[in-house]
Amino acid sequence: MAARIAQTTGVEHTAILGLGVYRPARVVTNDEIAGPIDSSDEWIRTRSGIRTRHFASAEETVQSMSVAAARDAMAAAGVAADQVDCVIVATSTHLLLTPAIGPRIATDLDMTGAAAFDISAGCAGFCHALAMASDLVRAGTSHHALVIGVEKLTDTLDFTDRSTAFLFGDGAGAVIVGPAEEQGIGPTVWGSDGTQHHAIRQTKDWMEFFTEIEEKGTDAVRPYLTMEGTAVFRWAAHSLEKVCREAIDRAGLTTDDLNAMIPHQANGRIIEIMSRVLKLPADCALANDIEETGNTSAASVPLAMEALLRKGESEPGDAALLIAFGAGLSYAAQVVTLPAWR
């Protein structure tokens, strides 16, 4: 008879136990962005809802921002470093193919020995990582997991590109996922649509760039992030209602049960459309951190969550719908109970 392999036993319920964020010190106005793209504060606000964004300095790195956010998340959760055995970092702007930034972050947090890895799902990365962390804890693979969404998008931007220069900012958000008495992270609805891969992309791959260097030398142009804004807007406006409703249904709730909605902060008009088509109750708080922080990709959902809590528009224990979408195109949504924060 073949040997039987033992099975791990986890917990019945998981929740976000604590939240921490890091916003770079430098605040950049639309007026600072407008010149190179022949634009204006009014044009940017009208089309995106953005008034300011945060730009990281050379000293504010993907690693350092993640560590700062993670320390606050651990403090809010009351969880020590030796209780965390998994670190998942959602980012598209750690600009080394290898090694991943996760192990270095874990070591900085005195979590050497913890599983640590990066995932890339664009702006939907945080919601993907949250789903993975919850499943790992419920399965018994991990006891507590640290989930980080972090971006330093300013390293990837062409500030003369009218489609992207005004949209993006930098920052990090982190949460601790662990056991709970009641379910605090609902079933995740996620997926992808590779037919829209061109909508948010790098302008060229690195092999193209290396070939260009050989042919043109110093005249070679490095890869940048670019986006077809109209394609993204149309896709999000017409495709995300179904994803949101399925996430609410799978959580066993209705829109009337929601205290907050925290969408990826991609565009103020997309946020308004999503709120309208879902017919959210009048007292349901709607995250609009994009106004002050811009689009921070994988960091945007935890940053927007913190802004709602900090401003008193939501409270720990509230039921919130998270929905994110981005490069791939990839998307993910789940209903969560809002955590303690710092």
Protein backbone atom coordinates (compact mmCIF):
# COMPACT_ATOMS: atom_id res chain seq x y z
CA MET A 1 0.00 0.00 0.00
CA ALA A 2 1.28 3.45 -0.91
CA ALA A 3 2.27 5.74 1.93
CA ARG A 4 -0.29 8.35 2.89
CA ILE A 5 0.78 11.96 2.86
CA ALA A 6 -0.32 14.03 5.85
CA GLN A 7 -2.58 17.01 5.32
CA THR A 8 -2.24 20.39 7.03
CA THR A 9 -5.13 21.70 9.08
CA GLY A 10 -5.83 25.40 9.05
CA VAL A 11 -8.53 27.64 10.46
CA GLU A 12 -12.15 28.18 9.54
CA HIS A 13 -12.06 31.97 9.34
CA THR A 14 -9.54 34.62 8.30
CA ALA A 15 -9.52 38.40 8.43
CA ILE A 16 -7.36 41.45 7.84
CA LEU A 17 -6.01 42.05 11.34
CA GLY A 18 -4.09 45.28 10.80
CA LEU A 19 -3.31 47.90 8.16
CA GLY A 20 -0.36 50.22 7.63
CA VAL A 21 0.63 52.55 4.79
CA TYR A 22 3.50 54.68 3.60
CA ARG A 23 3.04 57.85 1.54
CA PRO A 24 6.21 59.55 0.25
CA ALA A 25 6.92 62.99 1.67
CA ARG A 26 6.91 64.91 -1.61
CA VAL A 27 3.45 66.06 -2.76
CA VAL A 28 3.27 66.98 -6.46
CA THR A 29 0.54 69.23 -7.85
CA ASN A 30 -1.01 69.16 -11.29
CA ASP A 31 0.72 72.42 -12.12
CA GLU A 32 4.10 70.70 -11.74
CA ILE A 33 3.05 67.92 -14.13
CA ALA A 34 1.20 70.00 -16.71
CA GLY A 35 4.02 71.79 -18.53
CA PRO A 36 5.80 68.89 -20.31
CA ILE A 37 2.47 67.46 -21.52
CA ASP A 38 1.00 70.82 -22.59
CA SER A 39 -1.86 70.46 -20.10
CA SER A 40 -3.40 72.25 -17.12
CA ASP A 41 -4.67 71.63 -13.62
CA GLU A 42 -8.26 71.90 -14.85
CA TRP A 43 -7.72 69.40 -17.71
CA ILE A 44 -6.12 66.84 -15.39
CA ARG A 45 -8.78 67.20 -12.69
CA THR A 46 -11.63 66.95 -15.19
CA ARG A 47 -10.35 63.78 -16.83
CA SER A 48 -8.95 61.94 -13.83
CA GLY A 49 -10.15 63.49 -10.58
CA ILE A 50 -6.53 63.93 -9.47
CA ARG A 51 -5.33 67.08 -7.70
CA THR A 52 -2.04 65.83 -6.20
CA ARG A 53 0.10 62.72 -5.99
CA HIS A 54 3.14 61.61 -3.96
CA PHE A 55 6.55 61.10 -5.61
CA ALA A 56 9.21 59.05 -3.83
CA SER A 57 12.75 60.32 -3.46
CA ALA A 58 15.82 58.25 -4.31
CA GLU A 59 15.95 57.14 -0.67
CA GLU A 60 12.27 56.07 -0.66
CA THR A 61 12.51 52.72 -2.41
CA VAL A 62 10.11 49.83 -3.02
CA GLN A 63 11.90 48.07 -0.18
CA SER A 64 11.96 50.92 2.34
CA MET A 65 8.34 51.96 1.69
CA SER A 66 7.21 48.35 2.11
CA VAL A 67 9.07 47.94 5.39
CA ALA A 68 7.58 51.14 6.81
CA ALA A 69 4.02 50.17 5.86
CA ALA A 70 4.52 46.63 7.16
CA ARG A 71 5.77 47.79 10.57
CA ASP A 72 2.62 49.86 11.05
CA ALA A 73 0.40 46.96 9.90
CA MET A 74 2.06 44.63 12.42
CA ALA A 75 1.65 47.19 15.20
CA ALA A 76 -2.03 47.72 14.34
CA ALA A 77 -2.62 43.96 14.32
CA GLY A 78 -0.64 43.31 17.50
CA VAL A 79 1.34 40.66 15.63
CA ALA A 80 5.09 40.22 16.15
CA ALA A 81 7.61 39.43 13.42
CA ASP A 82 8.10 35.86 14.65
CA GLN A 83 4.38 35.20 14.16
CA VAL A 84 4.51 36.00 10.42
CA ASP A 85 5.59 33.08 8.26
CA CYS A 86 4.67 34.34 4.78
CA VAL A 87 5.30 37.63 2.96
CA ILE A 88 3.59 38.35 -0.36
CA VAL A 89 4.59 41.51 -2.23
CA ALA A 90 2.39 42.76 -5.06
CA THR A 91 4.34 45.11 -7.30
CA SER A 92 5.19 45.88 -10.91
CA THR A 93 8.01 48.30 -10.16
CA HIS A 94 10.72 46.23 -8.48
CA LEU A 95 12.98 46.66 -11.49
CA LEU A 96 15.14 43.58 -10.98
CA LEU A 97 14.10 40.39 -12.71
CA THR A 98 15.73 38.45 -9.87
CA PRO A 99 15.90 38.16 -6.94
CA ALA A 100 12.41 39.10 -5.78
CA ILE A 101 12.15 41.94 -3.28
CA GLY A 102 10.03 39.87 -0.85
CA PRO A 103 12.93 38.07 0.89
CA ARG A 104 14.81 41.35 1.46
CA ILE A 105 11.72 42.95 2.96
CA ALA A 106 11.19 39.91 5.19
CA THR A 107 14.79 40.08 6.41
CA ASP A 108 14.50 43.81 7.16
CA LEU A 109 11.46 42.96 9.30
CA ASP A 110 13.33 40.18 11.17
CA MET A 111 11.28 37.53 9.36
CA THR A 112 14.23 35.62 7.92
CA GLY A 113 13.01 32.07 7.29
CA ALA A 114 9.50 33.15 6.31
CA ALA A 115 8.31 32.29 2.83
CA ALA A 116 8.59 35.50 0.81
CA PHE A 117 7.81 36.14 -2.84
CA ASP A 118 6.52 38.73 -5.31
CA ILE A 119 3.48 38.59 -7.56
CA SER A 120 2.71 40.68 -10.63
CA ALA A 121 -0.92 41.32 -11.48
CA GLY A 122 -0.71 45.02 -12.19
CA CYS A 123 -3.12 47.22 -10.30
CA ALA A 124 -5.08 44.13 -9.22
CA GLY A 125 -2.02 42.72 -7.45
CA PHE A 126 -3.02 43.58 -3.88
CA CYS A 127 -6.43 41.88 -4.18
CA HIS A 128 -4.76 38.82 -5.74
CA ALA A 129 -2.21 38.67 -2.92
CA LEU A 130 -4.94 39.10 -0.29
CA ALA A 131 -6.83 36.13 -1.74
CA MET A 132 -3.70 33.99 -1.69
CA ALA A 133 -2.86 34.94 1.90
CA SER A 134 -6.36 34.15 3.13
CA ASP A 135 -6.33 30.75 1.43
CA LEU A 136 -2.87 29.93 2.81
CA VAL A 137 -3.97 30.67 6.37
CA ARG A 138 -7.24 28.77 6.00
CA ALA A 139 -5.38 25.77 4.59
CA GLY A 140 -2.82 25.76 7.40
CA THR A 141 0.16 26.49 5.14
CA SER A 142 0.68 29.78 7.02
CA HIS A 143 -0.33 31.10 10.41
CA HIS A 144 -0.06 34.83 9.68
CA ALA A 145 0.72 36.38 6.30
CA LEU A 146 1.96 39.86 5.48
CA VAL A 147 0.52 41.26 2.24
CA ILE A 148 2.11 44.35 0.69
CA GLY A 149 1.04 46.42 -2.29
CA VAL A 150 3.84 48.77 -3.29
CA GLU A 151 4.83 50.81 -6.32
CA LYS A 152 7.44 53.34 -7.31
CA LEU A 153 5.81 54.20 -10.61
CA THR A 154 7.83 57.35 -11.10
CA ASP A 155 10.75 55.10 -12.10
CA THR A 156 8.71 53.86 -15.07
CA LEU A 157 7.16 57.07 -16.42
CA ASP A 158 7.94 59.22 -19.43
CA PHE A 159 6.94 62.63 -18.10
CA THR A 160 6.29 63.86 -21.63
CA ASP A 161 3.71 61.09 -22.25
CA ARG A 162 0.30 62.75 -22.10
CA SER A 163 -1.43 59.40 -21.43
CA THR A 164 0.42 58.55 -18.21
CA ALA A 165 2.49 61.43 -16.81
CA PHE A 166 -0.34 62.95 -14.77
CA LEU A 167 -1.92 59.72 -13.51
CA PHE A 168 0.55 57.88 -11.37
CA GLY A 169 2.16 58.22 -7.96
CA ASP A 170 4.18 56.20 -5.45
CA GLY A 171 3.41 54.53 -2.13
CA ALA A 172 2.88 51.33 -0.17
CA GLY A 173 0.15 49.65 1.83
CA ALA A 174 0.39 46.51 3.97
CA VAL A 175 -1.98 44.24 5.88
CA ILE A 176 -1.62 41.28 8.22
CA VAL A 177 -3.91 38.35 7.41
CA GLY A 178 -4.55 35.81 10.14
CA PRO A 179 -7.10 33.67 12.00
CA ALA A 180 -10.37 35.25 13.12
CA GLU A 181 -13.50 34.28 15.03
CA GLU A 182 -15.69 35.23 12.07
CA GLN A 183 -14.95 35.34 8.36
CA GLY A 184 -13.47 38.72 7.48
CA ILE A 185 -12.31 38.03 3.90
CA GLY A 186 -14.99 36.89 1.48
CA PRO A 187 -14.55 34.59 -1.52
CA THR A 188 -12.50 36.20 -4.27
CA VAL A 189 -13.81 36.68 -7.79
CA TRP A 190 -10.85 37.07 -10.12
CA GLY A 191 -9.82 36.59 -13.70
CA SER A 192 -8.07 38.05 -16.70
CA ASP A 193 -8.66 39.14 -20.28
CA GLY A 194 -5.52 38.74 -22.36
CA THR A 195 -7.21 40.20 -25.42
CA GLN A 196 -6.70 43.57 -23.71
CA HIS A 197 -2.99 43.07 -22.96
CA HIS A 198 -2.10 46.11 -25.05
CA ALA A 199 -4.18 48.52 -22.96
CA ILE A 200 -1.57 48.93 -20.19
CA ARG A 201 1.92 47.86 -21.10
CA GLN A 202 5.64 48.54 -21.29
CA THR A 203 6.52 50.35 -24.52
CA LYS A 204 9.09 47.71 -25.50
CA ASP A 205 10.56 44.58 -23.94
CA TRP A 206 14.10 44.57 -22.59
CA MET A 207 15.52 42.49 -25.46
CA GLU A 208 14.27 45.12 -27.90
CA PHE A 209 15.97 47.77 -25.81
CA PHE A 210 19.27 45.87 -25.70
CA THR A 211 19.18 45.49 -29.50
CA GLU A 212 18.46 49.20 -29.83
CA ILE A 213 21.47 50.02 -27.65
CA GLU A 214 23.68 47.96 -29.98
CA GLU A 215 22.30 49.77 -33.01
CA LYS A 216 21.87 53.33 -31.70
CA GLY A 217 24.09 53.56 -28.64
CA THR A 218 23.19 56.51 -26.43
CA ASP A 219 20.26 57.39 -28.72
CA ALA A 220 18.42 54.25 -27.56
CA VAL A 221 15.19 55.02 -25.68
CA ARG A 222 14.51 52.99 -22.54
CA PRO A 223 11.17 51.23 -21.97
CA TYR A 224 8.42 53.20 -20.26
CA LEU A 225 4.94 52.48 -18.96
CA THR A 226 2.22 53.46 -21.42
CA MET A 227 -1.55 53.14 -21.49
CA GLU A 228 -4.47 53.36 -23.89
CA GLY A 229 -6.75 55.24 -21.55
CA THR A 230 -9.89 54.98 -23.64
CA ALA A 231 -9.57 51.19 -23.95
CA VAL A 232 -9.10 50.80 -20.19
CA PHE A 233 -12.00 53.13 -19.42
CA ARG A 234 -14.39 51.29 -21.73
CA TRP A 235 -13.35 47.87 -20.44
CA ALA A 236 -13.72 48.86 -16.80
CA ALA A 237 -17.01 50.69 -17.29
CA HIS A 238 -18.63 47.73 -19.05
CA SER A 239 -17.01 44.69 -17.40
CA LEU A 240 -16.64 45.31 -13.69
CA GLU A 241 -20.26 45.49 -12.55
CA LYS A 242 -20.62 41.71 -12.97
CA VAL A 243 -17.41 41.07 -11.02
CA CYS A 244 -18.55 43.31 -8.16
CA ARG A 245 -22.00 41.76 -7.94
CA GLU A 246 -20.58 38.23 -7.97
CA ALA A 247 -18.17 39.09 -5.13
CA ILE A 248 -21.04 40.52 -3.08
CA ASP A 249 -23.24 37.49 -3.82
CA ARG A 250 -20.47 35.02 -2.95
CA ALA A 251 -19.98 36.83 0.36
CA GLY A 252 -23.68 36.17 1.10
CA LEU A 253 -24.49 39.87 1.16
CA THR A 254 -26.35 42.49 -0.84
CA THR A 255 -25.28 46.01 -1.75
CA ASP A 256 -27.45 47.25 1.14
CA ASP A 257 -25.12 45.41 3.54
CA LEU A 258 -22.04 47.31 2.36
CA ASN A 259 -20.63 50.10 4.50
CA ALA A 260 -17.93 51.02 2.00
CA MET A 261 -16.63 50.43 -1.49
CA ILE A 262 -12.89 50.64 -2.10
CA PRO A 263 -12.11 50.40 -5.81
CA HIS A 264 -8.67 50.62 -7.36
CA GLN A 265 -7.99 54.33 -7.73
CA ALA A 266 -7.59 54.37 -11.49
CA ASN A 267 -9.77 57.28 -12.54
CA GLY A 268 -12.34 59.39 -10.72
CA ARG A 269 -14.90 58.93 -13.49
CA ILE A 270 -14.60 55.13 -13.39
CA ILE A 271 -15.16 55.21 -9.62
CA GLU A 272 -18.30 57.32 -10.08
CA ILE A 273 -19.65 54.99 -12.79
CA MET A 274 -19.09 51.89 -10.67
CA SER A 275 -20.87 53.46 -7.70
CA ARG A 276 -23.80 54.49 -9.86
CA VAL A 277 -24.33 51.17 -11.67
CA LEU A 278 -24.14 49.20 -8.41
CA LYS A 279 -26.77 51.52 -6.85
CA LEU A 280 -24.91 51.65 -3.56
CA PRO A 281 -26.89 52.89 -0.54
CA ALA A 282 -26.57 56.57 0.28
CA ASP A 283 -24.63 55.87 3.48
CA CYS A 284 -22.07 53.61 1.76
CA ALA A 285 -18.69 55.34 1.87
CA LEU A 286 -16.89 55.51 -1.48
CA ALA A 287 -13.09 55.69 -1.47
CA ASN A 288 -11.76 58.60 -3.50
CA ASP A 289 -8.11 58.67 -2.51
CA ILE A 290 -7.17 59.26 -6.15
CA GLU A 291 -7.81 62.97 -5.58
CA GLU A 292 -4.82 63.27 -3.23
CA THR A 293 -2.70 60.23 -4.12
CA GLY A 294 -3.23 59.52 -7.81
CA ASN A 295 -3.09 56.01 -9.24
CA THR A 296 -0.60 53.94 -7.22
CA SER A 297 -1.36 50.63 -8.95
CA ALA A 298 -0.97 47.68 -6.54
CA ALA A 299 -0.74 50.08 -3.58
CA SER A 300 -3.95 51.94 -4.32
CA VAL A 301 -6.50 49.71 -2.54
CA PRO A 302 -4.74 49.63 0.86
CA LEU A 303 -3.90 53.33 0.60
CA ALA A 304 -7.54 54.14 -0.17
CA MET A 305 -8.64 51.89 2.70
CA GLU A 306 -6.42 53.80 5.11
CA ALA A 307 -7.73 57.15 3.85
CA LEU A 308 -11.35 56.14 4.54
CA LEU A 309 -10.47 55.02 8.06
CA ARG A 310 -8.25 58.03 8.81
CA LYS A 311 -10.91 60.50 7.70
CA GLY A 312 -13.60 58.74 9.74
CA GLU A 313 -15.67 57.88 6.68
CA SER A 314 -15.45 54.18 7.64
CA GLU A 315 -14.64 52.31 10.83
CA PRO A 316 -12.93 49.03 11.71
CA GLY A 317 -15.51 46.26 11.42
CA ASP A 318 -17.31 47.80 8.45
CA ALA A 319 -18.06 45.58 5.43
CA ALA A 320 -16.22 46.88 2.36
CA LEU A 321 -16.15 45.75 -1.25
CA LEU A 322 -12.64 45.76 -2.73
CA ILE A 323 -12.35 45.76 -6.53
CA ALA A 324 -9.19 46.20 -8.57
CA PHE A 325 -8.21 45.89 -12.22
CA GLY A 326 -5.13 46.59 -14.27
CA ALA A 327 -2.46 45.39 -16.65
CA GLY A 328 -3.12 42.02 -18.16
CA LEU A 329 -5.92 42.93 -18.08
CA SER A 330 -6.35 41.34 -14.65
CA TYR A 331 -9.06 41.87 -12.06
CA ALA A 332 -10.09 40.71 -8.58
CA ALA A 333 -12.78 41.56 -6.04
CA GLN A 334 -13.71 40.47 -2.52
CA VAL A 335 -15.74 41.75 0.43
CA VAL A 336 -13.72 42.28 3.62
CA THR A 337 -14.20 43.49 7.14
CA LEU A 338 -12.14 46.65 7.61
CA PRO A 339 -9.26 46.26 10.08
CA ALA A 340 -7.52 48.23 12.78
CA TRP A 341 -5.05 50.70 11.28
CA ARG A 342 -2.10 52.94 12.02
